[in-house]
Amino acid sequence: MPDHKDPQDILEDSLRGAPIIWKGDYPYFIHPLSDGIPRMDPEVLTAVTDLIVRSTDWTGVDLIVSVEAMGLPLLASVGIATGIPTVVIRKRPYGMKGEISVDVSTGYSESTLYVNDIFDGERVVIVDDVISTGGTLEPLLQKLEEMGVILHDVVIAIEKGEGRERLNRDRPEWPIRSLARIEIVDGRVEMAR
């Protein structure tokens, strides 16, 4: 019988030793899920997809949502695996009827996101690549909540920093969780527990 690696082990093994670059005082790790480089082993994307699909209750979910650009591989693979429609929150306006803008601020940049084709009463699962400060996720979830969207689940592949813990403490009604938690120790990516 072939040896099957656990999807959690595949994800964590892919994170260990990921390169680090500095953006000012901010240590930025580079990983295929969060940056598209170095090249991604399909086994990693399959493992993360499996972890998301198996850990989420898909009952009544109308839509899977992610933010461009690096949430797109997860969005596509989870959408295919579940058969549930997907929509991308974009970083540029389209001017569609009902388009909503959301100002966000990460650990190293500020920008505006644009929400289209998500409606009051829809049950959504949000999938994304990384949470660090929560500066993208927090204003986005606030806006979706104001729009009447039901936040069924929020699954982030990689957690770095205190953003998820802060949001879980400040907004316990938001179902935010991550698949793997990392920290930068002596300039290297290590798994945090």
Foldseek 3Di string as FASTA:
>chain_A
DDDDDQLLVLQQVQAFFFAWDDQDPDTDGDGCLAHVPDPDDVSNLVSLLVVVLVVADCPQAQEEEEEDDSFVSSQVSNCVVVVHHYDYWYQDDDPDPPKDKWWFDDPRGTGITIDPDAAAPHEYEYEGEEDAQCRVVVRVVVVCVVRNYHDRAYEYAEYEYCNVVVCCVVPVSHHYDYSWYWYQDPRTTDTDD
